[in-house]
N, C-alpha and C. Protein backbone atom coordinates (compact mmCIF):
# COMPACT_ATOMS: atom_id res chain seq x y z
N MET A 1 121.17 91.85 95.62
CA MET A 1 119.82 92.33 95.42
C MET A 1 119.25 92.73 96.77
N ASP A 2 118.67 93.87 96.81
CA ASP A 2 118.11 94.43 98.03
C ASP A 2 116.77 93.76 98.35
N ILE A 3 116.42 93.67 99.61
CA ILE A 3 115.17 93.04 100.03
C ILE A 3 113.96 93.84 99.55
N ASN A 4 114.09 95.16 99.48
CA ASN A 4 112.99 96.00 98.99
C ASN A 4 112.69 95.71 97.51
N THR A 5 113.73 95.51 96.74
CA THR A 5 113.56 95.19 95.33
C THR A 5 112.85 93.86 95.17
N LEU A 6 113.23 92.91 96.01
CA LEU A 6 112.61 91.60 95.97
C LEU A 6 111.12 91.68 96.34
N VAL A 7 110.78 92.47 97.32
CA VAL A 7 109.39 92.65 97.73
C VAL A 7 108.59 93.30 96.60
N VAL A 8 109.16 94.30 95.96
CA VAL A 8 108.48 94.97 94.85
C VAL A 8 108.25 94.00 93.70
N LEU A 9 109.26 93.21 93.34
CA LEU A 9 109.12 92.25 92.25
C LEU A 9 108.08 91.18 92.58
N LEU A 10 108.06 90.71 93.81
CA LEU A 10 107.07 89.72 94.21
C LEU A 10 105.67 90.34 94.22
N SER A 11 105.55 91.57 94.62
CA SER A 11 104.24 92.24 94.60
C SER A 11 103.74 92.38 93.17
N ILE A 12 104.64 92.75 92.27
CA ILE A 12 104.25 92.85 90.86
C ILE A 12 103.82 91.50 90.32
N ALA A 13 104.54 90.44 90.68
CA ALA A 13 104.18 89.09 90.23
C ALA A 13 102.80 88.69 90.76
N VAL A 14 102.52 88.99 92.01
CA VAL A 14 101.22 88.65 92.60
C VAL A 14 100.10 89.42 91.91
N VAL A 15 100.31 90.68 91.63
CA VAL A 15 99.29 91.49 90.96
C VAL A 15 99.05 90.96 89.55
N LEU A 16 100.10 90.64 88.82
CA LEU A 16 99.94 90.10 87.47
C LEU A 16 99.20 88.77 87.48
N LEU A 17 99.55 87.89 88.40
CA LEU A 17 98.87 86.60 88.49
C LEU A 17 97.41 86.78 88.89
N SER A 18 97.12 87.74 89.74
CA SER A 18 95.72 88.00 90.11
C SER A 18 94.93 88.50 88.92
N ILE A 19 95.51 89.39 88.14
CA ILE A 19 94.82 89.90 86.95
C ILE A 19 94.58 88.78 85.96
N ILE A 20 95.56 87.92 85.76
CA ILE A 20 95.41 86.79 84.83
C ILE A 20 94.33 85.85 85.33
N THR A 21 94.29 85.57 86.63
CA THR A 21 93.28 84.68 87.20
C THR A 21 91.88 85.25 87.02
N ILE A 22 91.73 86.53 87.29
CA ILE A 22 90.42 87.17 87.14
C ILE A 22 89.99 87.16 85.67
N ALA A 23 90.92 87.44 84.76
CA ALA A 23 90.60 87.42 83.33
C ALA A 23 90.17 86.03 82.89
N LEU A 24 90.86 85.00 83.34
CA LEU A 24 90.49 83.63 82.98
C LEU A 24 89.12 83.26 83.53
N LEU A 25 88.82 83.67 84.74
CA LEU A 25 87.50 83.40 85.31
C LEU A 25 86.40 84.09 84.52
N VAL A 26 86.65 85.32 84.09
CA VAL A 26 85.66 86.04 83.28
C VAL A 26 85.47 85.34 81.94
N ILE A 27 86.56 84.94 81.30
CA ILE A 27 86.47 84.26 80.00
C ILE A 27 85.71 82.95 80.13
N ILE A 28 86.00 82.18 81.17
CA ILE A 28 85.30 80.91 81.38
C ILE A 28 83.82 81.14 81.65
N THR A 29 83.49 82.16 82.43
CA THR A 29 82.09 82.46 82.71
C THR A 29 81.34 82.86 81.45
N VAL A 30 81.94 83.71 80.64
CA VAL A 30 81.30 84.13 79.39
C VAL A 30 81.11 82.94 78.46
N ALA A 31 82.12 82.07 78.38
CA ALA A 31 82.01 80.88 77.53
C ALA A 31 80.90 79.95 78.02
N MET A 32 80.77 79.79 79.33
CA MET A 32 79.73 78.92 79.87
C MET A 32 78.34 79.49 79.61
N VAL A 33 78.18 80.81 79.68
CA VAL A 33 76.89 81.43 79.39
C VAL A 33 76.53 81.22 77.92
N LYS A 34 77.50 81.37 77.02
CA LYS A 34 77.23 81.15 75.60
C LYS A 34 76.88 79.69 75.33
N VAL A 35 77.59 78.77 75.96
CA VAL A 35 77.28 77.35 75.78
C VAL A 35 75.88 77.04 76.31
N HIS A 36 75.51 77.66 77.41
CA HIS A 36 74.17 77.44 77.97
C HIS A 36 73.10 77.93 77.00
N LYS A 37 73.31 79.08 76.38
CA LYS A 37 72.34 79.60 75.40
C LYS A 37 72.25 78.67 74.19
N ILE A 38 73.39 78.18 73.74
CA ILE A 38 73.40 77.27 72.60
C ILE A 38 72.67 75.97 72.95
N MET A 39 72.90 75.46 74.15
CA MET A 39 72.23 74.23 74.57
C MET A 39 70.71 74.43 74.68
N ALA A 40 70.28 75.60 75.12
CA ALA A 40 68.85 75.88 75.20
C ALA A 40 68.24 75.90 73.80
N ASN A 41 68.96 76.49 72.85
CA ASN A 41 68.46 76.50 71.47
C ASN A 41 68.41 75.09 70.89
N ILE A 42 69.42 74.29 71.17
CA ILE A 42 69.45 72.91 70.68
C ILE A 42 68.30 72.11 71.28
N GLU A 43 68.03 72.33 72.56
CA GLU A 43 66.92 71.62 73.20
C GLU A 43 65.58 72.00 72.57
N ALA A 44 65.40 73.28 72.29
CA ALA A 44 64.15 73.73 71.65
C ALA A 44 64.03 73.12 70.26
N ILE A 45 65.11 73.09 69.53
CA ILE A 45 65.09 72.51 68.18
C ILE A 45 64.77 71.02 68.24
N SER A 46 65.39 70.32 69.17
CA SER A 46 65.14 68.88 69.27
C SER A 46 63.70 68.60 69.68
N GLN A 47 63.12 69.43 70.53
CA GLN A 47 61.72 69.25 70.89
C GLN A 47 60.81 69.51 69.70
N ASN A 48 61.15 70.51 68.89
CA ASN A 48 60.35 70.80 67.70
C ASN A 48 60.44 69.65 66.69
N VAL A 49 61.63 69.10 66.52
CA VAL A 49 61.81 67.99 65.59
C VAL A 49 61.05 66.76 66.11
N ALA A 50 61.11 66.53 67.41
CA ALA A 50 60.41 65.37 67.98
C ALA A 50 58.90 65.51 67.80
N SER A 51 58.38 66.69 68.04
CA SER A 51 56.93 66.86 67.89
C SER A 51 56.53 66.78 66.42
N ALA A 52 57.37 67.30 65.53
CA ALA A 52 57.06 67.22 64.10
C ALA A 52 57.12 65.78 63.62
N SER A 53 58.11 65.03 64.07
CA SER A 53 58.20 63.63 63.63
C SER A 53 57.06 62.81 64.22
N ASP A 54 56.62 63.16 65.42
CA ASP A 54 55.46 62.47 66.00
C ASP A 54 54.20 62.79 65.22
N TRP A 55 54.04 64.05 64.84
CA TRP A 55 52.85 64.46 64.10
C TRP A 55 52.83 63.87 62.69
N LEU A 56 54.03 63.69 62.10
CA LEU A 56 54.11 63.18 60.74
C LEU A 56 54.27 61.66 60.67
N ALA A 57 54.12 60.98 61.78
CA ALA A 57 54.21 59.52 61.78
C ALA A 57 53.09 58.97 60.90
N PRO A 58 53.37 57.94 60.11
CA PRO A 58 52.35 57.42 59.18
C PRO A 58 51.04 57.02 59.86
N ALA A 59 51.12 56.37 60.99
CA ALA A 59 49.89 55.95 61.68
C ALA A 59 49.07 57.16 62.11
N LYS A 60 49.74 58.20 62.57
CA LYS A 60 49.03 59.40 63.02
C LYS A 60 48.39 60.11 61.83
N VAL A 61 49.11 60.22 60.73
CA VAL A 61 48.57 60.89 59.55
C VAL A 61 47.35 60.15 59.02
N ILE A 62 47.46 58.83 58.94
CA ILE A 62 46.33 58.03 58.43
C ILE A 62 45.13 58.13 59.36
N SER A 63 45.37 58.07 60.66
CA SER A 63 44.24 58.17 61.60
C SER A 63 43.59 59.54 61.53
N GLN A 64 44.36 60.60 61.35
CA GLN A 64 43.77 61.94 61.22
C GLN A 64 42.97 62.06 59.92
N ILE A 65 43.48 61.46 58.85
CA ILE A 65 42.75 61.51 57.58
C ILE A 65 41.43 60.75 57.70
N THR A 66 41.45 59.58 58.34
CA THR A 66 40.21 58.82 58.49
C THR A 66 39.23 59.56 59.40
N ARG A 67 39.72 60.22 60.45
CA ARG A 67 38.84 61.00 61.31
C ARG A 67 38.21 62.15 60.54
N MET A 68 38.98 62.77 59.66
CA MET A 68 38.48 63.89 58.89
C MET A 68 37.34 63.44 57.95
N PHE A 69 37.48 62.28 57.35
CA PHE A 69 36.46 61.81 56.43
C PHE A 69 35.25 61.23 57.16
N ARG A 70 35.41 60.82 58.42
CA ARG A 70 34.28 60.27 59.17
C ARG A 70 33.36 61.36 59.65
N LYS A 71 33.86 62.56 59.83
CA LYS A 71 33.02 63.65 60.35
C LYS A 71 32.18 64.20 59.31
């Protein structure tokens, strides 16, 4: 095997590995952005549920009803 052939084959291997590495980095970045958006939606939902459960707590409902009738 000639040294030039070996250099060409190694260059092709390096280029292929570089392309694969860049593709994997792009895929990981896109996946992380999607996970971040999903987590933001989950946080908003959990805050809405927490505020709704706080508002619908029996003590709060009864106190609001009594305040309404006192006015």
